[in-house]
Protein backbone atom coordinates (compact mmCIF):
# COMPACT_ATOMS: atom_id res chain seq x y z
CA MET A 1 -14.78 15.29 -32.32
CA SER A 2 -16.13 15.44 -28.75
CA ILE A 3 -14.08 14.76 -25.61
CA SER A 4 -15.89 11.50 -25.16
CA ASP A 5 -14.91 10.30 -28.69
CA ARG A 6 -11.29 11.30 -28.23
CA LEU A 7 -11.14 9.38 -24.90
CA THR A 8 -12.81 6.33 -26.50
CA GLU A 9 -10.35 6.51 -29.42
CA LEU A 10 -7.43 6.69 -26.92
CA ALA A 11 -8.71 3.79 -24.94
CA GLU A 12 -9.11 1.73 -28.09
CA ARG A 13 -5.43 2.37 -29.19
CA ILE A 14 -4.19 1.41 -25.65
CA ILE A 15 -6.19 -1.67 -25.44
CA VAL A 16 -4.79 -3.20 -28.53
CA LEU A 17 -1.30 -2.62 -27.55
CA GLU A 18 0.88 -5.73 -27.24
CA GLY A 19 4.36 -6.73 -26.32
CA TRP A 20 6.97 -4.29 -25.19
CA LYS A 21 4.82 -1.35 -26.10
CA ALA A 22 2.14 -2.32 -23.51
CA SER A 23 4.73 -3.19 -20.88
CA LEU A 24 6.63 0.01 -21.28
CA LEU A 25 3.40 2.11 -21.11
CA ALA A 26 2.40 0.26 -17.84
CA ILE A 27 5.74 0.97 -16.23
CA PHE A 28 5.69 4.62 -17.39
CA ALA A 29 2.21 5.17 -16.21
CA GLY A 30 2.90 3.69 -12.88
CA ALA A 31 6.03 5.80 -12.50
CA LEU A 32 4.21 8.97 -13.53
CA SER A 33 1.66 8.09 -10.78
CA ALA A 34 4.32 8.73 -8.06
CA LEU A 35 4.23 12.44 -8.92
CA SER A 36 0.91 12.47 -6.90
CA LEU A 37 2.92 11.86 -3.71
CA ALA A 38 4.95 14.17 -1.52
CA PRO A 39 6.80 16.40 -2.03
CA TYR A 40 5.17 16.90 -5.50
CA HIS A 41 1.40 16.29 -4.79
CA VAL A 42 0.49 16.50 -8.53
CA PHE A 43 -2.66 14.51 -7.82
CA PRO A 44 -4.34 15.24 -11.13
CA VAL A 45 -1.82 12.98 -12.85
CA LEU A 46 -3.82 10.00 -11.52
CA PHE A 47 -6.78 11.01 -13.71
CA LEU A 48 -4.42 10.12 -16.70
CA THR A 49 -2.47 7.10 -15.35
CA PHE A 50 -5.25 4.96 -13.67
CA PRO A 51 -7.55 5.16 -16.84
CA ILE A 52 -4.45 3.78 -18.57
CA PHE A 53 -4.30 1.05 -16.12
CA ILE A 54 -7.94 0.12 -16.74
CA TRP A 55 -7.41 0.12 -20.53
CA LEU A 56 -4.22 -2.02 -20.26
CA LEU A 57 -6.11 -4.53 -18.05
CA GLU A 58 -8.85 -4.60 -20.68
CA GLY A 59 -6.37 -5.53 -23.28
CA SER A 60 -4.77 -8.33 -20.97
CA VAL A 61 -6.59 -11.09 -22.59
CA PRO A 62 -5.72 -14.79 -21.85
CA SER A 63 -3.52 -16.60 -24.38
CA LEU A 64 -4.50 -19.95 -25.89
CA ASP A 65 -2.20 -22.99 -26.19
CA LYS A 66 -2.00 -25.12 -29.42
CA HIS A 67 -5.28 -26.82 -28.56
CA GLY A 68 -6.98 -23.60 -28.27
CA LYS A 69 -7.47 -23.71 -24.54
CA SER A 70 -6.27 -21.43 -21.74
CA GLY A 71 -5.32 -22.88 -18.41
CA PHE A 72 -5.28 -21.16 -15.05
CA PHE A 73 -1.82 -19.57 -15.60
CA ARG A 74 -2.72 -18.52 -18.99
CA ARG A 75 -5.84 -16.86 -17.77
CA ILE A 76 -4.19 -14.79 -14.87
CA TRP A 77 -0.87 -14.06 -16.19
CA PRO A 78 -1.56 -11.22 -18.72
CA ALA A 79 -3.48 -9.11 -16.12
CA PHE A 80 -1.03 -10.15 -13.35
CA LYS A 81 1.84 -8.85 -15.64
CA THR A 82 0.00 -5.58 -16.33
CA GLY A 83 -0.68 -4.92 -12.62
CA TRP A 84 2.96 -5.93 -11.77
CA LEU A 85 4.47 -3.60 -14.43
CA PHE A 86 2.31 -0.64 -13.36
CA GLY A 87 3.08 -1.31 -9.66
CA PHE A 88 6.75 -1.69 -10.37
CA GLY A 89 6.85 1.77 -12.03
CA TYR A 90 5.03 3.26 -9.21
CA PHE A 91 7.27 1.93 -6.48
CA LEU A 92 10.44 2.34 -8.45
CA ALA A 93 9.70 6.11 -8.90
CA GLY A 94 8.25 6.43 -5.43
CA LEU A 95 10.94 4.71 -3.48
CA TRP A 96 14.17 5.17 -5.40
CA TRP A 97 15.52 7.38 -2.53
CA ILE A 98 15.99 4.21 -0.36
CA GLY A 99 18.94 3.55 -2.27
CA LYS A 100 20.53 6.67 -0.85
CA ALA A 101 20.99 4.84 2.53
CA PHE A 102 23.25 2.35 0.94
CA LEU A 103 25.67 5.14 -0.12
CA VAL A 104 26.39 6.33 3.43
CA ASP A 105 28.80 3.50 4.00
CA ALA A 106 29.24 2.76 0.40
CA ASP A 107 32.34 0.65 0.91
CA GLU A 108 30.30 -1.81 2.93
CA PHE A 109 26.80 -1.73 1.44
CA ILE A 110 27.12 -0.59 -2.23
CA TYR A 111 26.50 -4.13 -3.34
CA LEU A 112 23.06 -4.08 -1.80
CA LEU A 113 22.06 -0.95 -3.83
CA PRO A 114 20.44 -2.89 -6.64
CA PHE A 115 18.40 -4.79 -4.14
CA ALA A 116 17.11 -1.57 -2.45
CA VAL A 117 16.29 0.28 -5.84
CA VAL A 118 15.04 -2.58 -7.98
CA ALA A 119 14.19 -5.66 -5.90
CA LEU A 120 12.13 -3.88 -3.22
CA PRO A 121 10.00 -2.27 -5.79
CA ALA A 122 9.72 -5.59 -7.70
CA GLY A 123 8.63 -7.32 -4.57
CA LEU A 124 5.96 -4.76 -3.54
CA ALA A 125 4.52 -4.75 -7.16
CA ILE A 126 3.59 -8.41 -6.64
CA PHE A 127 0.58 -7.05 -4.60
CA TRP A 128 -0.50 -4.79 -7.51
CA GLY A 129 -0.01 -7.82 -9.97
CA ILE A 130 -2.49 -9.93 -7.92
CA ALA A 131 -4.79 -6.98 -7.74
CA GLY A 132 -4.56 -6.68 -11.61
CA ALA A 133 -5.45 -10.43 -11.85
CA LEU A 134 -8.29 -10.25 -9.43
CA THR A 135 -9.61 -7.20 -11.02
CA ARG A 136 -9.71 -8.68 -14.52
CA SER A 137 -11.32 -11.70 -13.34
CA ILE A 138 -14.34 -10.21 -11.61
CA TRP A 139 -15.25 -7.25 -13.62
CA SER A 140 -17.95 -7.37 -16.30
CA HIS A 141 -19.15 -4.33 -18.01
CA GLY A 142 -18.87 -0.48 -17.66
CA TRP A 143 -18.55 0.89 -14.11
CA THR A 144 -17.86 -2.57 -12.67
CA ARG A 145 -14.40 -2.26 -14.01
CA LEU A 146 -13.60 0.89 -11.95
CA LEU A 147 -15.31 -0.70 -8.77
CA ALA A 148 -13.40 -3.86 -9.32
CA LEU A 149 -9.99 -2.06 -9.48
CA ALA A 150 -10.78 0.00 -6.41
CA VAL A 151 -11.91 -3.12 -4.44
CA CYS A 152 -8.97 -5.31 -5.45
CA LEU A 153 -6.18 -2.82 -5.21
CA THR A 154 -7.38 -1.55 -1.93
CA ALA A 155 -7.52 -5.06 -0.51
CA MET A 156 -3.94 -5.76 -1.81
CA GLU A 157 -2.67 -2.41 -0.35
CA TYR A 158 -4.10 -3.25 3.03
CA LEU A 159 -2.37 -6.68 2.81
CA ARG A 160 0.89 -4.89 1.74
CA GLY A 161 0.64 -2.98 4.89
CA HIS A 162 0.20 -6.00 7.13
CA LEU A 163 1.83 -8.99 5.72
CA PHE A 164 5.56 -9.89 6.43
CA THR A 165 5.80 -7.08 9.15
CA GLY A 166 4.08 -4.78 6.67
CA PHE A 167 5.39 -1.90 4.59
CA PRO A 168 2.39 0.52 4.00
CA TRP A 169 4.53 3.29 2.48
CA ASN A 170 3.03 5.41 -0.35
CA LEU A 171 -0.58 4.22 -0.26
CA PRO A 172 -2.37 5.82 -3.10
CA GLY A 173 -4.75 7.43 -0.50
CA TYR A 174 -1.94 9.82 0.46
CA ALA A 175 -2.01 11.48 -3.02
CA PHE A 176 -5.60 12.50 -2.33
CA MET A 177 -4.62 14.34 0.84
CA PRO A 178 -2.01 17.07 -0.11
CA SER A 179 -3.20 19.57 2.36
CA PRO A 180 -5.37 19.84 5.55
CA LEU A 181 -8.41 20.64 3.42
CA PHE A 182 -8.08 17.25 1.83
CA MET A 183 -7.05 15.28 4.83
CA GLN A 184 -10.10 15.55 7.18
CA THR A 185 -12.06 12.57 5.55
CA SER A 186 -9.42 10.38 6.83
CA ASN A 187 -10.79 10.91 10.40
CA LEU A 188 -13.88 8.99 9.16
CA ILE A 189 -12.46 6.10 7.06
CA GLY A 190 -8.73 6.44 7.38
CA VAL A 191 -6.09 6.28 4.72
CA TYR A 192 -7.16 2.91 3.36
CA GLY A 193 -10.65 4.23 2.86
CA ILE A 194 -9.20 7.31 1.11
CA THR A 195 -7.20 4.82 -0.96
CA PHE A 196 -10.40 3.22 -2.17
CA VAL A 197 -11.99 6.59 -3.04
CA THR A 198 -8.77 7.70 -4.77
CA ILE A 199 -8.68 4.71 -7.05
CA LEU A 200 -12.45 4.92 -7.83
CA VAL A 201 -12.35 8.54 -8.68
CA ALA A 202 -8.99 8.73 -10.46
CA ALA A 203 -10.02 5.70 -12.76
CA SER A 204 -13.35 7.28 -13.72
CA ALA A 205 -12.27 8.19 -17.28
CA GLY A 206 -11.47 4.42 -17.69
CA ILE A 207 -15.15 3.85 -18.38
CA PHE A 208 -14.67 5.13 -21.87
CA ILE A 209 -14.20 1.78 -23.49
CA PRO A 210 -15.40 1.04 -27.04
CA GLY A 211 -18.14 -1.55 -27.35
CA PRO A 212 -21.38 -2.36 -29.03
CA SER A 213 -23.36 -0.21 -26.47
CA GLY A 214 -21.27 2.93 -27.18
CA PRO A 215 -18.14 4.11 -25.40
CA ALA A 216 -19.37 2.89 -21.94
CA ILE A 217 -22.25 1.99 -20.02
CA HIS A 218 -23.56 4.59 -17.52
CA VAL A 219 -20.90 6.97 -18.42
CA ARG A 220 -22.75 10.14 -17.17
CA ARG A 221 -23.70 8.51 -13.81
CA THR A 222 -20.20 7.33 -13.30
CA LEU A 223 -18.60 10.70 -13.94
CA VAL A 224 -21.24 12.48 -11.83
CA THR A 225 -20.60 10.12 -8.84
CA ALA A 226 -16.93 10.72 -9.06
CA ALA A 227 -17.50 14.45 -9.10
CA CYS A 228 -19.71 14.11 -6.08
CA LEU A 229 -17.14 12.07 -4.17
CA VAL A 230 -14.51 14.74 -4.76
CA ALA A 231 -16.85 17.47 -3.72
CA ALA A 232 -17.89 15.52 -0.58
CA HIS A 233 -14.20 14.98 0.19
CA ILE A 234 -13.33 18.73 -0.06
CA GLY A 235 -16.58 19.84 1.45
CA TYR A 236 -16.20 17.81 4.58
CA GLY A 237 -12.65 19.12 4.94
CA ALA A 238 -13.84 22.76 4.68
CA PHE A 239 -16.56 22.09 7.25
CA VAL A 240 -14.15 20.52 9.71
CA LEU A 241 -11.49 23.14 9.38
CA THR A 242 -14.01 25.99 9.79
CA THR A 243 -15.52 24.67 12.99
CA ALA A 244 -12.18 23.38 14.51
CA LYS A 245 -10.83 25.01 17.56
CA SER A 246 -7.22 25.86 17.93
CA GLU A 247 -6.45 25.29 21.59
CA THR A 248 -3.33 24.47 23.38
CA VAL A 249 -2.47 22.58 26.57
CA ALA A 250 -1.81 24.86 29.58
CA ASP A 251 1.63 24.81 31.11
CA VAL A 252 3.23 22.81 28.40
CA LYS A 253 6.00 24.29 26.35
CA LEU A 254 8.02 22.31 23.68
CA ARG A 255 11.43 22.68 22.23
CA ILE A 256 12.39 20.28 19.46
CA VAL A 257 16.08 20.06 18.59
CA GLN A 258 17.09 19.50 14.90
CA PRO A 259 20.91 19.36 14.74
CA ALA A 260 21.05 18.30 11.10
CA ILE A 261 23.99 15.82 11.73
CA ASP A 262 25.30 14.03 8.64
CA GLN A 263 24.65 10.28 8.83
CA SER A 264 28.33 9.49 7.96
CA LYS A 265 29.28 11.12 11.27
CA LYS A 266 26.39 10.15 13.47
CA TRP A 267 27.63 6.62 14.51
CA ASP A 268 31.37 7.59 14.36
CA PRO A 269 32.77 7.57 18.06
CA ALA A 270 35.23 10.29 17.11
CA TYR A 271 32.35 12.66 16.65
CA SER A 272 30.49 11.80 19.86
CA VAL A 273 31.80 14.74 21.92
CA PRO A 274 31.04 17.49 19.21
CA ILE A 275 27.65 15.80 18.63
CA LEU A 276 26.65 16.03 22.21
CA GLU A 277 28.04 19.60 22.33
CA ASP A 278 25.85 20.55 19.29
CA TYR A 279 22.72 19.04 21.05
CA PHE A 280 23.46 20.93 24.28
CA ASP A 281 24.20 24.20 22.40
CA LEU A 282 20.89 24.04 20.46
CA THR A 283 19.08 23.13 23.64
CA ASN A 284 20.31 25.79 25.95
CA SER A 285 22.00 28.60 24.01
CA ASN A 286 19.24 31.09 23.36
CA LYS A 287 19.27 30.14 19.66
CA GLY A 288 15.55 29.33 19.33
CA PRO A 289 13.18 31.48 17.45
CA LYS A 290 12.18 33.33 20.71
CA ALA A 291 15.74 33.43 22.11
CA ALA A 292 14.67 31.21 24.99
CA SER A 293 16.97 28.77 27.15
CA ALA A 294 16.04 25.22 28.29
CA GLY A 295 14.49 26.69 31.33
CA SER A 296 11.67 28.25 29.40
CA PHE A 297 10.37 24.87 28.30
CA THR A 298 8.75 21.88 30.02
CA HIS A 299 9.89 19.38 27.53
CA ILE A 300 12.98 19.20 25.36
CA ILE A 301 12.67 16.71 22.53
CA TRP A 302 15.61 15.16 20.70
CA PRO A 303 15.31 12.81 17.62
CA GLU A 304 15.99 9.02 17.24
CA SER A 305 19.32 7.46 18.21
CA VAL A 306 21.01 10.51 19.56
CA PHE A 307 23.99 8.73 21.15
CA PRO A 308 26.49 6.68 19.39
CA PHE A 309 26.76 4.58 22.58
CA ILE A 310 24.62 2.95 25.29
CA LEU A 311 23.39 5.95 27.34
CA THR A 312 22.65 3.82 30.45
CA GLU A 313 26.27 2.77 30.55
CA ARG A 314 27.50 6.35 30.51
CA ARG A 315 26.82 7.94 34.01
CA ASP A 316 29.06 10.83 33.04
CA VAL A 317 26.67 11.71 30.20
CA LEU A 318 23.58 11.37 32.44
CA ALA A 319 25.29 13.77 34.92
CA GLN A 320 25.76 16.21 31.99
CA LEU A 321 22.09 16.00 31.27
CA ALA A 322 21.32 16.61 34.72
CA ASP A 323 23.30 19.86 34.64
CA LEU A 324 21.67 20.87 31.36
CA LEU A 325 18.03 20.27 32.41
CA PRO A 326 16.21 22.52 34.83
CA ASN A 327 14.44 20.61 37.70
CA ASP A 328 10.96 20.90 36.01
CA THR A 329 12.04 20.30 32.53
CA LYS A 330 12.12 16.78 30.91
CA LEU A 331 14.13 15.33 28.07
CA ILE A 332 12.43 13.05 25.61
CA THR A 333 15.19 11.40 23.44
CA GLY A 334 16.03 8.43 21.29
CA ALA A 335 18.80 6.30 22.52
CA MET A 336 19.96 2.65 22.36
CA ARG A 337 19.21 0.53 25.35
CA ARG A 338 20.79 -2.75 26.44
CA GLU A 339 19.42 -5.51 28.42
CA SER A 340 22.01 -7.98 29.90
CA GLY A 341 21.16 -11.65 30.37
CA ALA A 342 21.63 -14.97 28.79
CA ALA A 343 21.69 -13.17 25.58
CA ASP A 344 22.30 -9.46 25.58
CA LYS A 345 19.57 -7.42 23.74
CA THR A 346 19.81 -3.91 22.28
CA PHE A 347 16.78 -1.91 21.65
CA ASN A 348 15.99 1.24 19.70
CA ALA A 349 14.44 3.16 22.55
CA MET A 350 12.78 6.35 23.50
CA LEU A 351 13.66 7.61 26.96
CA VAL A 352 12.30 10.24 29.25
CA ILE A 353 14.97 11.86 31.44
CA ASP A 354 14.05 14.27 34.26
CA GLY A 355 16.09 17.15 35.74
CA ASN A 356 18.09 14.81 38.01
CA GLY A 357 19.42 13.00 35.06
CA GLU A 358 17.34 9.88 35.95
CA ILE A 359 15.58 7.85 33.23
CA ILE A 360 11.99 7.85 34.43
CA ALA A 361 10.33 6.06 31.49
CA ALA A 362 11.35 4.08 28.45
CA TYR A 363 9.75 2.59 25.35
CA ASP A 364 11.33 0.07 22.94
CA LYS A 365 10.56 0.13 19.32
CA LEU A 366 8.15 -2.56 18.26
CA ASN A 367 8.11 -2.21 14.33
CA LEU A 368 11.72 -2.57 13.27
CA VAL A 369 12.85 -1.74 9.73
CA PRO A 370 13.77 -4.94 7.78
CA PHE A 371 17.39 -4.84 6.55
CA GLY A 372 17.77 -1.39 8.34
CA GLU A 373 17.48 -2.54 11.92
CA TYR A 374 17.26 -6.25 11.69
CA LEU A 375 18.02 -8.95 9.16
CA PRO A 376 15.16 -11.20 8.13
CA PHE A 377 16.07 -14.94 7.97
CA GLN A 378 19.13 -13.94 10.14
CA ASN A 379 20.94 -17.41 9.93
CA LEU A 380 20.48 -17.86 6.18
CA LEU A 381 21.17 -14.38 5.00
CA GLY A 382 23.82 -13.82 7.63
CA SER A 383 25.57 -16.87 6.30
CA ILE A 384 26.19 -15.19 2.96
CA GLY A 385 27.44 -12.02 4.44
CA LEU A 386 24.43 -9.75 4.56
CA GLN A 387 23.95 -7.41 7.48
CA GLN A 388 21.51 -4.60 8.44
CA LEU A 389 22.54 -1.03 7.97
CA THR A 390 22.39 0.45 11.54
CA GLN A 391 24.89 -1.55 13.58
CA ARG A 392 26.75 -4.92 13.61
CA GLY A 393 24.17 -6.58 15.87
CA ALA A 394 20.48 -6.35 15.13
CA PHE A 395 18.09 -4.59 17.31
CA ALA A 396 15.56 -6.59 19.30
CA ALA A 397 11.98 -5.69 19.02
CA GLY A 398 9.97 -4.26 22.04
CA THR A 399 7.13 -6.27 23.47
CA GLN A 400 4.25 -3.78 24.07
CA ARG A 401 3.02 -0.42 22.82
CA LYS A 402 1.52 1.67 25.50
CA ASN A 403 1.30 5.36 26.43
CA ILE A 404 4.03 6.91 28.53
CA VAL A 405 2.76 8.50 31.76
CA VAL A 406 5.22 10.68 33.75
CA PRO A 407 4.54 13.44 36.19
CA ALA A 408 3.60 16.93 35.01
CA THR A 409 3.31 15.50 31.39
CA PRO A 410 0.16 14.76 29.39
CA SER A 411 0.22 11.08 28.38
CA PHE A 412 1.76 10.51 25.07
CA LEU A 413 2.16 7.68 22.59
CA PRO A 414 5.73 6.94 21.67
CA LEU A 415 6.50 6.06 18.03
CA ILE A 416 9.86 5.71 16.67
CA CYS A 417 10.67 6.26 12.99
CA TYR A 418 8.38 4.64 10.59
CA GLU A 419 6.10 3.12 13.35
CA ILE A 420 4.01 6.20 12.61
CA ILE A 421 3.11 5.02 9.21
CA PHE A 422 0.87 2.12 10.39
CA SER A 423 -2.60 3.32 10.03
CA GLY A 424 -5.25 1.98 12.58
CA ALA A 425 -2.72 0.38 14.74
CA LEU A 426 -1.65 3.20 17.12
CA SER A 427 -3.87 4.36 19.87
CA LYS A 428 -6.68 2.58 21.80
CA GLN A 429 -9.98 4.50 22.49
CA TRP A 430 -9.88 3.30 26.15
CA ASP A 431 -6.43 4.63 26.76
CA ARG A 432 -6.29 7.67 24.42
CA PRO A 433 -3.04 9.73 24.65
CA LYS A 434 -3.09 13.40 24.55
CA TRP A 435 -0.32 13.65 21.97
CA ILE A 436 2.00 11.57 19.81
CA VAL A 437 5.69 11.77 19.98
CA ASN A 438 7.51 10.61 16.87
CA LEU A 439 11.26 10.47 16.98
CA THR A 440 12.96 9.67 13.72
CA ASN A 441 16.30 9.95 11.81
CA ASP A 442 15.87 10.48 8.07
CA ALA A 443 19.42 11.58 7.43
CA TRP A 444 19.95 8.10 5.74
CA PHE A 445 18.01 9.51 2.74
CA GLY A 446 19.61 13.03 2.45
CA MET A 447 17.66 15.71 0.53
CA THR A 448 15.35 13.24 -1.32
CA ALA A 449 11.60 12.72 -1.45
CA GLY A 450 11.66 10.03 1.43
CA PRO A 451 11.66 12.55 4.36
CA TYR A 452 8.94 14.57 2.81
CA GLN A 453 6.95 11.27 2.29
CA HIS A 454 7.61 10.31 5.94
CA ALA A 455 6.49 13.78 7.39
CA HIS A 456 3.36 13.78 5.20
CA GLN A 457 2.27 10.41 6.58
CA SER A 458 2.78 11.53 10.12
CA ARG A 459 0.43 14.39 9.54
CA ILE A 460 -2.25 12.06 8.25
CA ARG A 461 -1.87 9.96 11.52
CA ALA A 462 -2.75 13.10 13.52
CA VAL A 463 -5.93 13.68 11.57
CA GLU A 464 -6.90 9.98 11.66
CA GLU A 465 -6.60 9.71 15.47
CA GLY A 466 -7.57 13.36 16.13
CA ILE A 467 -4.32 13.62 18.17
CA PRO A 468 -1.49 16.18 17.64
CA VAL A 469 1.85 14.84 16.63
CA VAL A 470 5.23 16.25 17.69
CA ARG A 471 7.86 15.14 15.42
CA ALA A 472 11.65 15.42 16.06
CA ALA A 473 13.95 14.44 13.17
CA ASN A 474 17.71 14.64 13.11
CA THR A 475 17.81 16.47 9.70
CA GLY A 476 14.06 17.31 9.35
CA ILE A 477 11.36 17.64 8.85
CA SER A 478 10.78 18.49 12.65
CA MET A 479 7.23 19.81 13.40
CA VAL A 480 4.39 20.25 15.60
CA VAL A 481 1.14 19.19 13.94
CA ASP A 482 -2.31 19.91 15.37
CA PRO A 483 -5.02 17.26 15.20
CA TYR A 484 -6.32 18.58 11.93
CA GLY A 485 -2.92 18.03 10.19
CA ARG A 486 -2.00 21.69 10.23
CA ILE A 487 1.60 22.39 10.90
CA VAL A 488 1.94 24.86 13.88
CA GLU A 489 5.70 25.17 13.80
CA SER A 490 8.25 23.42 11.82
CA LEU A 491 12.00 23.34 10.53
CA LYS A 492 12.80 22.75 6.82
CA LEU A 493 14.62 19.61 5.59
CA GLY A 494 18.42 19.88 6.23
CA GLU A 495 17.98 23.02 8.52
CA ARG A 496 19.75 23.33 11.81
CA GLY A 497 17.81 24.82 14.65
CA THR A 498 15.01 24.37 17.09
CA VAL A 499 11.11 24.37 16.92
CA ASP A 500 9.58 26.15 19.87
CA SER A 501 5.85 25.59 20.30
CA PRO A 502 2.95 25.03 22.59
CA LEU A 503 1.20 21.69 22.53
CA PRO A 504 -2.11 21.64 20.63
CA LYS A 505 -5.03 20.05 22.33
CA ALA A 506 -6.38 16.81 21.05
CA ALA A 507 -9.65 16.85 19.04
CA PRO A 508 -12.69 14.77 20.11
CA ILE A 509 -12.26 11.17 19.42
CA THR A 510 -12.74 10.37 15.66
CA LEU A 511 -14.80 7.73 14.04
CA PHE A 512 -11.79 6.11 12.62
CA SER A 513 -10.06 6.04 16.07
CA LEU A 514 -13.22 4.33 17.42
CA HIS A 515 -13.60 1.62 14.74
CA GLY A 516 -10.32 1.47 12.82
CA ASN A 517 -10.26 -0.28 9.45
CA TRP A 518 -12.91 -2.98 10.27
CA PRO A 519 -15.92 -1.02 8.55
CA LEU A 520 -13.74 -0.77 5.49
CA LEU A 521 -12.73 -4.36 5.40
CA ILE A 522 -16.36 -5.42 5.73
CA PHE A 523 -17.42 -3.11 2.84
CA ILE A 524 -14.56 -4.20 0.64
CA CYS A 525 -15.32 -7.88 1.17
CA THR A 526 -18.97 -7.34 0.62
CA LEU A 527 -18.39 -5.56 -2.67
CA PHE A 528 -15.92 -8.21 -3.80
CA LEU A 529 -18.56 -10.93 -3.33
CA ILE A 530 -21.28 -8.82 -5.10
CA LEU A 531 -18.81 -8.39 -8.08
CA VAL A 532 -18.00 -12.14 -8.19
CA VAL A 533 -21.82 -12.98 -8.29
CA THR A 534 -22.46 -10.47 -10.83
CA LYS A 535 -19.74 -11.79 -13.01
CA GLN A 536 -21.15 -15.18 -12.64
CA ARG A 537 -24.67 -14.23 -13.64
CA ASN A 538 -23.27 -12.20 -16.80
CA THR A 539 -21.30 -15.29 -17.72
CA LEU A 540 -24.27 -17.65 -17.57
CA ARG A 541 -26.23 -15.28 -19.79
CA LEU A 542 -23.72 -15.47 -22.51
C-alpha cells in the first residue's frame, strides 16, 4: 500500500468518527500542536495535527431535525465545535503556565486558578470555533479546503490579536520561525502572514480525502506548492543572513541587569533594601562577563517594576542612584509612577535617569494586562471580590506611544512586558527608532514555557521591524537581539548576572515596517470572497 493510500485510509477513519472519540481527538491534536512553540519548536508535529483538523472538519456535517431540515445553528454547530475543541487543546497546552502566577500569592488568588488554566483557553478557542465554522461553510473540493482553513483561521487569529484589547500570544506563525534562518520572511509579511503560510503548508496532507475522483483533486500540485513555500521561506532566510551586516553603534555600551528575584519577595516592603542592594551590586561590582564597573557603560538597563515603592516619592533612593551612576551613564529602568490630582493615577512606567539622579524621560505602559494590571468591568467584577494580581489599585494606561529621545542616546522605542507581542503596532516609518527597549518581569511564571515564548516573540519583532531589541527581564531571558533575530548576548532563564553588549545597528527599513498588515488583510479578504463565489457556483451546479 502506497503512502497516498495509507493517508487516504487514515483520513477516512477520522472523518467518520463521532461523539466523544471525535471530540477527544480534536482536543488531543490541538494540544499536540503546542509542541511546535517555544521552548520545544517541534514544528513537524503540525504536519500531523492540521491534516487531522481538516479531516475532522470534513466529518462535521450538519444534523437534521425531526422534519429532515437543518437550521442555521445545526449547520454551523458541528464545525464550530470541532474548531473550538482543537483550539481549546492548543491554548490549554500552550498557556497552562499562566496558572503559575496565581500560585505566587496562593492564599489570595488560588480560587482564580481554574479561570486562568481553563476559562482563558476556552474563551480564546471561540475564535478557532468561528474559523472552523467559516472554513466548513466556504470550502468545496480538494485544495480549497486547505486554502479556506488558512484564510479563515488567519483572519480569526488577527481578530484575536486586536479585539477586546487583543491577546496575540502563540500565533501559529511563531511555530514556523524557530531560528533566525526561518525568521527572515517576517520582515516581508509579518507573523500574521507567516501564520497563513504555516497553516496552508502544515495542512497540506489534509488533501488526502476519499471521494469519487480519487484520494484528492490536484494532490501533486498541492504538495509541490507546499514544498515550494517551505523552500522559499528557508531560501529567503539564508539569503538575508548571508548578506546581513553585523555592525554596532559607536560609543554605546550596554549592561543589562538580571537579578533573578523571586516574585514572592519582589513586592514585599521588607525586602526593598536587600533588593536595591542586589541591583547596585550587579550594576557596579565588576561581576559582569568582562569584569567591568558601571563607568564602563553608557547605559544600564534594569527590568520592569524594579522598586516596591513610588520612585519619584523617594528622593533618598534617587540620591543613591546619583551616587551609583557616573556622569555620562544613564539608567533605563522600570518603576511605578504616580500622578496626583482629582483621582490619583499609578502607571507602570519606564524611566530614564541621568548621572545626577534626575528623571529625564518617562513612558507609561499603554497595553495593560487584563486581570494582571487592571480589572476589566471594574465595578461589576470588583463587587464580587475580584482583583488584579499586581497591586490593590489598578494601573492606569498611558496615552501615547512614542520614541524616547535623550542626549547621547540613540532614540529608542520603549515597550513594557507583553507590549512587544503586538505585531504591526510598534514603530512608525516616519519616526523610526534605532533600537527597542523591552523591560519585563516574567518571574510570575517561574521556570515554565511562558518566558521562553515571550522571549521568542520579542525576537520576531526585531526581524519584522529590522530594529534590534534590548530585553531586560527580572528572571530572564535577558538578551540583546540584532535586527535579524540573532542573539548577540543573553542570560538563561533563572540565572543571576548581567549582560554586557554593544548595541547592534538597525537594518534598512523592512517591507513589513513600511506597510504593516494591510497587504495581508486585503489578500485574505480577496481570497475569502473568491472562495465564497466558488462555493456558490459549485452549489448551483449540483
